[in-house]
Amino acid sequence: MSRVTPRAARLAAWIAIPAALVASGVVVSTASYSAFSATTVNPTSNWTAGSVALTDDDNNTALFNATGLKPGSTGSNCITVTSTGSLASTVKLYATNAATTNALASNINITIEQGTGGGFGSCAGFTPLATGGTITPANSTLASFGASATNFSNGVGTWAPTGSGSESRVFKVSYTVSDSAPNTVQGGTASLGLTWEAQNS
């Protein structure tokens, strides 16, 4: 019967350790490749909001700064409004910051037309639309327009940009001091701002 010497036992132990590690690696390696897989991917989705956008050519200058008015005084000016939004929209015009003294605003008639030709500072070549050219009610005064058209919901106009590209419309604003303006309007003042607003449709 042979005896295992301590030296032989230590040698056998050192040989067994690498063998065990190799066997363990085989198990791990086998486990790493033990499952099949497959995927399908939909590309990243994106969302971008459209826009409505309006500009005009007034260079931040009022349409009128009329002084020395008297019965029969009249004047007109044009302004080009441009839509550059990407959404179809409806554009309405309304009055802002209406004010008057001595009831002058009640004695100035105002007519607003929409069409083509002309631009801020000149109405040369202006042509109103064949249908819906005049957008202010008949016999409008600064006072009545300032009181009736105050926001988008009760504003005037029929312009509906498509949103497919830049679109422009020219608006001609004309005023006339009533021939029957009473003596009491002397020295009176009137002021009125105009706002165009677009809302997507």
C-alpha atoms as a PDB file:
ATOM      1  CA  MET A   1       0.000   0.000   0.000  1.00  0.00           C
ATOM      2  CA  SER A   2       1.523   3.290  -1.159  1.00  0.00           C
ATOM      3  CA  ARG A   3       1.624   6.350   1.034  1.00  0.00           C
ATOM      4  CA  VAL A   4       0.898   9.875  -0.236  1.00  0.00           C
ATOM      5  CA  THR A   5       3.621  12.122   0.896  1.00  0.00           C
ATOM      6  CA  PRO A   6       2.782  15.652   2.038  1.00  0.00           C
ATOM      7  CA  ARG A   7       4.657  17.019  -0.966  1.00  0.00           C
ATOM      8  CA  ALA A   8       2.599  14.930  -3.361  1.00  0.00           C
ATOM      9  CA  ALA A   9      -0.632  16.073  -1.653  1.00  0.00           C
ATOM     10  CA  ARG A  10       0.315  19.745  -2.050  1.00  0.00           C
ATOM     11  CA  LEU A  11       1.150  19.204  -5.716  1.00  0.00           C
ATOM     12  CA  ALA A  12      -2.167  17.495  -6.344  1.00  0.00           C
ATOM     13  CA  ALA A  13      -3.998  20.432  -4.716  1.00  0.00           C
ATOM     14  CA  TRP A  14      -2.218  22.990  -6.939  1.00  0.00           C
ATOM     15  CA  ILE A  15      -3.067  21.013 -10.051  1.00  0.00           C
ATOM     16  CA  ALA A  16      -6.747  20.723  -9.006  1.00  0.00           C
ATOM     17  CA  ILE A  17      -7.248  24.509  -8.676  1.00  0.00           C
ATOM     18  CA  PRO A  18      -6.613  25.452 -12.394  1.00  0.00           C
ATOM     19  CA  ALA A  19      -8.670  22.480 -13.483  1.00  0.00           C
ATOM     20  CA  ALA A  20     -11.581  23.701 -11.361  1.00  0.00           C
ATOM     21  CA  LEU A  21     -11.244  27.225 -12.768  1.00  0.00           C
ATOM     22  CA  VAL A  22     -11.256  25.915 -16.317  1.00  0.00           C
ATOM     23  CA  ALA A  23     -14.362  23.852 -15.603  1.00  0.00           C
ATOM     24  CA  SER A  24     -16.082  26.880 -14.049  1.00  0.00           C
ATOM     25  CA  GLY A  25     -15.243  29.000 -17.120  1.00  0.00           C
ATOM     26  CA  VAL A  26     -16.779  26.401 -19.356  1.00  0.00           C
ATOM     27  CA  VAL A  27     -19.993  26.558 -17.347  1.00  0.00           C
ATOM     28  CA  VAL A  28     -20.117  30.375 -17.466  1.00  0.00           C
ATOM     29  CA  SER A  29     -19.248  30.446 -21.156  1.00  0.00           C
ATOM     30  CA  THR A  30     -21.942  27.956 -21.918  1.00  0.00           C
ATOM     31  CA  ALA A  31     -24.490  29.975 -19.904  1.00  0.00           C
ATOM     32  CA  SER A  32     -23.589  33.229 -21.736  1.00  0.00           C
ATOM     33  CA  TYR A  33     -24.645  31.782 -25.082  1.00  0.00           C
ATOM     34  CA  SER A  34     -27.596  29.742 -23.957  1.00  0.00           C
ATOM     35  CA  ALA A  35     -30.434  32.146 -25.179  1.00  0.00           C
ATOM     36  CA  PHE A  36     -31.455  33.294 -28.671  1.00  0.00           C
ATOM     37  CA  SER A  37     -32.882  36.880 -29.074  1.00  0.00           C
ATOM     38  CA  ALA A  38     -34.399  39.210 -31.657  1.00  0.00           C
ATOM     39  CA  THR A  39     -35.600  42.847 -31.654  1.00  0.00           C
ATOM     40  CA  THR A  40     -37.496  45.209 -33.914  1.00  0.00           C
ATOM     41  CA  VAL A  41     -37.235  48.995 -33.585  1.00  0.00           C
ATOM     42  CA  ASN A  42     -39.498  51.926 -34.464  1.00  0.00           C
ATOM     43  CA  PRO A  43     -37.346  55.058 -35.007  1.00  0.00           C
ATOM     44  CA  THR A  44     -37.564  57.892 -32.450  1.00  0.00           C
ATOM     45  CA  SER A  45     -40.824  59.846 -32.771  1.00  0.00           C
ATOM     46  CA  ASN A  46     -40.823  63.660 -32.775  1.00  0.00           C
ATOM     47  CA  TRP A  47     -43.473  66.318 -32.291  1.00  0.00           C
ATOM     48  CA  THR A  48     -43.278  69.968 -33.464  1.00  0.00           C
ATOM     49  CA  ALA A  49     -45.965  72.602 -32.974  1.00  0.00           C
ATOM     50  CA  GLY A  50     -47.117  74.723 -35.900  1.00  0.00           C
ATOM     51  CA  SER A  51     -47.325  78.507 -35.692  1.00  0.00           C
ATOM     52  CA  VAL A  52     -49.336  81.575 -36.556  1.00  0.00           C
ATOM     53  CA  ALA A  53     -47.373  84.762 -37.186  1.00  0.00           C
ATOM     54  CA  LEU A  54     -48.223  88.266 -38.392  1.00  0.00           C
ATOM     55  CA  THR A  55     -46.050  91.254 -39.279  1.00  0.00           C
ATOM     56  CA  ASP A  56     -46.733  94.614 -40.909  1.00  0.00           C
ATOM     57  CA  ASP A  57     -44.782  97.277 -42.764  1.00  0.00           C
ATOM     58  CA  ASP A  58     -45.519 100.312 -40.572  1.00  0.00           C
ATOM     59  CA  ASN A  59     -42.061 100.412 -38.914  1.00  0.00           C
ATOM     60  CA  ASN A  60     -43.843 101.166 -35.633  1.00  0.00           C
ATOM     61  CA  THR A  61     -45.346 104.367 -37.057  1.00  0.00           C
ATOM     62  CA  ALA A  62     -49.012 105.337 -36.643  1.00  0.00           C
ATOM     63  CA  LEU A  63     -51.175 105.412 -39.753  1.00  0.00           C
ATOM     64  CA  PHE A  64     -52.283 108.988 -39.006  1.00  0.00           C
ATOM     65  CA  ASN A  65     -51.140 112.005 -37.065  1.00  0.00           C
ATOM     66  CA  ALA A  66     -53.726 114.449 -38.364  1.00  0.00           C
ATOM     67  CA  THR A  67     -53.990 117.954 -36.918  1.00  0.00           C
ATOM     68  CA  GLY A  68     -56.009 121.082 -37.723  1.00  0.00           C
ATOM     69  CA  LEU A  69     -59.058 119.050 -38.693  1.00  0.00           C
ATOM     70  CA  LYS A  70     -62.333 120.708 -39.683  1.00  0.00           C
ATOM     71  CA  PRO A  71     -65.641 119.549 -41.198  1.00  0.00           C
ATOM     72  CA  GLY A  72     -64.887 117.773 -44.467  1.00  0.00           C
ATOM     73  CA  SER A  73     -61.231 116.988 -43.689  1.00  0.00           C
ATOM     74  CA  THR A  74     -60.277 113.609 -45.080  1.00  0.00           C
ATOM     75  CA  GLY A  75     -57.292 111.318 -45.425  1.00  0.00           C
ATOM     76  CA  SER A  76     -56.262 107.739 -46.124  1.00  0.00           C
ATOM     77  CA  ASN A  77     -53.285 105.431 -45.651  1.00  0.00           C
ATOM     78  CA  CYS A  78     -52.491 101.822 -46.352  1.00  0.00           C
ATOM     79  CA  ILE A  79     -50.701  99.104 -44.438  1.00  0.00           C
ATOM     80  CA  THR A  80     -49.525  95.676 -45.562  1.00  0.00           C
ATOM     81  CA  VAL A  81     -50.017  92.800 -43.132  1.00  0.00           C
ATOM     82  CA  THR A  82     -48.144  89.554 -43.797  1.00  0.00           C
ATOM     83  CA  SER A  83     -48.832  86.074 -42.465  1.00  0.00           C
ATOM     84  CA  THR A  84     -45.824  83.750 -42.195  1.00  0.00           C
ATOM     85  CA  GLY A  85     -47.295  81.058 -39.964  1.00  0.00           C
ATOM     86  CA  SER A  86     -47.324  77.362 -40.837  1.00  0.00           C
ATOM     87  CA  LEU A  87     -50.946  76.809 -39.772  1.00  0.00           C
ATOM     88  CA  ALA A  88     -54.117  77.790 -41.585  1.00  0.00           C
ATOM     89  CA  SER A  89     -55.652  80.696 -39.683  1.00  0.00           C
ATOM     90  CA  THR A  90     -58.279  83.402 -39.595  1.00  0.00           C
ATOM     91  CA  VAL A  91     -57.239  87.048 -39.232  1.00  0.00           C
ATOM     92  CA  LYS A  92     -59.460  89.624 -37.566  1.00  0.00           C
ATOM     93  CA  LEU A  93     -58.969  93.369 -37.119  1.00  0.00           C
ATOM     94  CA  TYR A  94     -60.141  95.237 -34.045  1.00  0.00           C
ATOM     95  CA  ALA A  95     -59.662  98.554 -32.269  1.00  0.00           C
ATOM     96  CA  THR A  96     -57.523  99.205 -29.211  1.00  0.00           C
ATOM     97  CA  ASN A  97     -57.020 102.140 -26.830  1.00  0.00           C
ATOM     98  CA  ALA A  98     -59.950 104.151 -28.154  1.00  0.00           C
ATOM     99  CA  ALA A  99     -60.230 107.614 -26.565  1.00  0.00           C
ATOM    100  CA  THR A 100     -61.772 110.984 -27.388  1.00  0.00           C
ATOM    101  CA  THR A 101     -62.528 114.453 -26.079  1.00  0.00           C
ATOM    102  CA  ASN A 102     -65.318 116.795 -27.171  1.00  0.00           C
ATOM    103  CA  ALA A 103     -66.891 113.794 -28.948  1.00  0.00           C
ATOM    104  CA  LEU A 104     -64.580 114.209 -31.930  1.00  0.00           C
ATOM    105  CA  ALA A 105     -64.482 110.417 -32.464  1.00  0.00           C
ATOM    106  CA  SER A 106     -68.256 110.396 -32.994  1.00  0.00           C
ATOM    107  CA  ASN A 107     -67.831 112.896 -35.813  1.00  0.00           C
ATOM    108  CA  ILE A 108     -65.092 111.140 -37.781  1.00  0.00           C
ATOM    109  CA  ASN A 109     -66.262 108.459 -40.184  1.00  0.00           C
ATOM    110  CA  ILE A 110     -63.879 105.564 -40.848  1.00  0.00           C
ATOM    111  CA  THR A 111     -63.776 103.058 -43.701  1.00  0.00           C
ATOM    112  CA  ILE A 112     -61.402 100.099 -43.812  1.00  0.00           C
ATOM    113  CA  GLU A 113     -60.951  98.093 -46.998  1.00  0.00           C
ATOM    114  CA  GLN A 114     -58.867  94.990 -47.691  1.00  0.00           C
ATOM    115  CA  GLY A 115     -57.218  94.241 -51.010  1.00  0.00           C
ATOM    116  CA  THR A 116     -53.926  94.341 -52.863  1.00  0.00           C
ATOM    117  CA  GLY A 117     -51.466  97.013 -53.998  1.00  0.00           C
ATOM    118  CA  GLY A 118     -49.913  99.851 -52.068  1.00  0.00           C
ATOM    119  CA  GLY A 119     -48.347  99.683 -48.654  1.00  0.00           C
ATOM    120  CA  PHE A 120     -47.583 101.814 -45.638  1.00  0.00           C
ATOM    121  CA  GLY A 121     -47.369 105.483 -46.590  1.00  0.00           C
ATOM    122  CA  SER A 122     -48.978 105.069 -50.005  1.00  0.00           C
ATOM    123  CA  CYS A 123     -52.181 103.581 -51.373  1.00  0.00           C
ATOM    124  CA  ALA A 124     -51.016 103.886 -54.984  1.00  0.00           C
ATOM    125  CA  GLY A 125     -52.254 100.856 -56.884  1.00  0.00           C
ATOM    126  CA  PHE A 126     -54.584  99.707 -54.122  1.00  0.00           C
ATOM    127  CA  THR A 127     -57.433  97.542 -55.373  1.00  0.00           C
ATOM    128  CA  PRO A 128     -60.105  96.346 -52.953  1.00  0.00           C
ATOM    129  CA  LEU A 129     -61.245  92.745 -53.089  1.00  0.00           C
ATOM    130  CA  ALA A 130     -64.170  92.215 -55.438  1.00  0.00           C
ATOM    131  CA  THR A 131     -66.055  90.478 -52.639  1.00  0.00           C
ATOM    132  CA  GLY A 132     -65.769  91.608 -49.033  1.00  0.00           C
ATOM    133  CA  GLY A 133     -63.513  94.530 -49.867  1.00  0.00           C
ATOM    134  CA  THR A 134     -64.981  96.876 -47.240  1.00  0.00           C
ATOM    135  CA  ILE A 135     -64.804  95.317 -43.794  1.00  0.00           C
ATOM    136  CA  THR A 136     -66.084  98.129 -41.539  1.00  0.00           C
ATOM    137  CA  PRO A 137     -69.845  98.395 -41.058  1.00  0.00           C
ATOM    138  CA  ALA A 138     -71.633 101.109 -43.032  1.00  0.00           C
ATOM    139  CA  ASN A 139     -71.465 104.609 -41.538  1.00  0.00           C
ATOM    140  CA  SER A 140     -68.849 103.584 -38.980  1.00  0.00           C
ATOM    141  CA  THR A 141     -67.302 106.294 -36.866  1.00  0.00           C
ATOM    142  CA  LEU A 142     -64.152 106.077 -34.822  1.00  0.00           C
ATOM    143  CA  ALA A 143     -66.386 105.907 -31.763  1.00  0.00           C
ATOM    144  CA  SER A 144     -68.667 103.129 -33.030  1.00  0.00           C
ATOM    145  CA  PHE A 145     -65.834 101.029 -34.425  1.00  0.00           C
ATOM    146  CA  GLY A 146     -63.826 101.447 -31.233  1.00  0.00           C
ATOM    147  CA  ALA A 147     -66.808 100.251 -29.196  1.00  0.00           C
ATOM    148  CA  SER A 148     -67.980  97.358 -31.392  1.00  0.00           C
ATOM    149  CA  ALA A 149     -64.736  95.728 -32.553  1.00  0.00           C
ATOM    150  CA  THR A 150     -62.701  95.188 -29.400  1.00  0.00           C
ATOM    151  CA  ASN A 151     -61.211  91.682 -29.700  1.00  0.00           C
ATOM    152  CA  PHE A 152     -60.822  88.704 -32.010  1.00  0.00           C
ATOM    153  CA  SER A 153     -64.336  87.395 -31.459  1.00  0.00           C
ATOM    154  CA  ASN A 154     -66.035  90.594 -32.647  1.00  0.00           C
ATOM    155  CA  GLY A 155     -63.302  91.840 -34.964  1.00  0.00           C
ATOM    156  CA  VAL A 156     -63.790  92.436 -38.675  1.00  0.00           C
ATOM    157  CA  GLY A 157     -62.291  90.943 -41.809  1.00  0.00           C
ATOM    158  CA  THR A 158     -62.454  87.785 -43.902  1.00  0.00           C
ATOM    159  CA  TRP A 159     -58.787  86.990 -44.451  1.00  0.00           C
ATOM    160  CA  ALA A 160     -57.908  83.319 -44.003  1.00  0.00           C
ATOM    161  CA  PRO A 161     -54.219  82.552 -44.699  1.00  0.00           C
ATOM    162  CA  THR A 162     -53.606  78.946 -45.698  1.00  0.00           C
ATOM    163  CA  GLY A 163     -50.327  78.529 -43.797  1.00  0.00           C
ATOM    164  CA  SER A 164     -48.615  77.125 -46.879  1.00  0.00           C
ATOM    165  CA  GLY A 165     -46.289  80.119 -47.278  1.00  0.00           C
ATOM    166  CA  SER A 166     -45.961  83.867 -46.828  1.00  0.00           C
ATOM    167  CA  GLU A 167     -49.228  85.666 -47.627  1.00  0.00           C
ATOM    168  CA  SER A 168     -49.905  89.409 -47.555  1.00  0.00           C
ATOM    169  CA  ARG A 169     -52.977  91.602 -47.588  1.00  0.00           C
ATOM    170  CA  VAL A 170     -53.161  95.382 -47.858  1.00  0.00           C
ATOM    171  CA  PHE A 171     -55.609  97.335 -45.714  1.00  0.00           C
ATOM    172  CA  LYS A 172     -56.677 100.838 -46.700  1.00  0.00           C
ATOM    173  CA  VAL A 173     -57.913 103.027 -43.848  1.00  0.00           C
ATOM    174  CA  SER A 174     -59.776 106.225 -44.733  1.00  0.00           C
ATOM    175  CA  TYR A 175     -61.333 108.880 -42.513  1.00  0.00           C
ATOM    176  CA  THR A 176     -63.570 111.892 -43.066  1.00  0.00           C
ATOM    177  CA  VAL A 177     -64.654 114.522 -40.561  1.00  0.00           C
ATOM    178  CA  SER A 178     -68.409 114.857 -40.800  1.00  0.00           C
ATOM    179  CA  ASP A 179     -69.679 117.938 -42.636  1.00  0.00           C
ATOM    180  CA  SER A 180     -72.216 118.282 -39.842  1.00  0.00           C
ATOM    181  CA  ALA A 181     -69.708 118.180 -36.991  1.00  0.00           C
ATOM    182  CA  PRO A 182     -70.990 120.611 -34.334  1.00  0.00           C
ATOM    183  CA  ASN A 183     -69.089 123.597 -33.041  1.00  0.00           C
ATOM    184  CA  THR A 184     -68.530 121.748 -29.778  1.00  0.00           C
ATOM    185  CA  VAL A 185     -65.905 119.419 -31.290  1.00  0.00           C
ATOM    186  CA  GLN A 186     -63.445 122.289 -31.751  1.00  0.00           C
ATOM    187  CA  GLY A 187     -60.174 121.468 -30.029  1.00  0.00           C
ATOM    188  CA  GLY A 188     -61.337 117.864 -29.567  1.00  0.00           C
ATOM    189  CA  THR A 189     -59.068 114.845 -29.867  1.00  0.00           C
ATOM    190  CA  ALA A 190     -59.546 111.253 -30.947  1.00  0.00           C
ATOM    191  CA  SER A 191     -57.208 108.275 -30.875  1.00  0.00           C
ATOM    192  CA  LEU A 192     -57.532 104.658 -31.936  1.00  0.00           C
ATOM    193  CA  GLY A 193     -55.125 101.777 -32.371  1.00  0.00           C
ATOM    194  CA  LEU A 194     -55.614  98.910 -34.830  1.00  0.00           C
ATOM    195  CA  THR A 195     -54.730  95.319 -34.033  1.00  0.00           C
ATOM    196  CA  TRP A 196     -54.675  92.375 -36.426  1.00  0.00           C
ATOM    197  CA  GLU A 197     -54.865  88.993 -34.709  1.00  0.00           C
ATOM    198  CA  ALA A 198     -54.505  85.534 -36.257  1.00  0.00           C
ATOM    199  CA  GLN A 199     -55.859  82.373 -34.688  1.00  0.00           C
ATOM    200  CA  ASN A 200     -55.338  78.939 -36.171  1.00  0.00           C
ATOM    201  CA  SER A 201     -58.385  77.436 -37.810  1.00  0.00           C
END
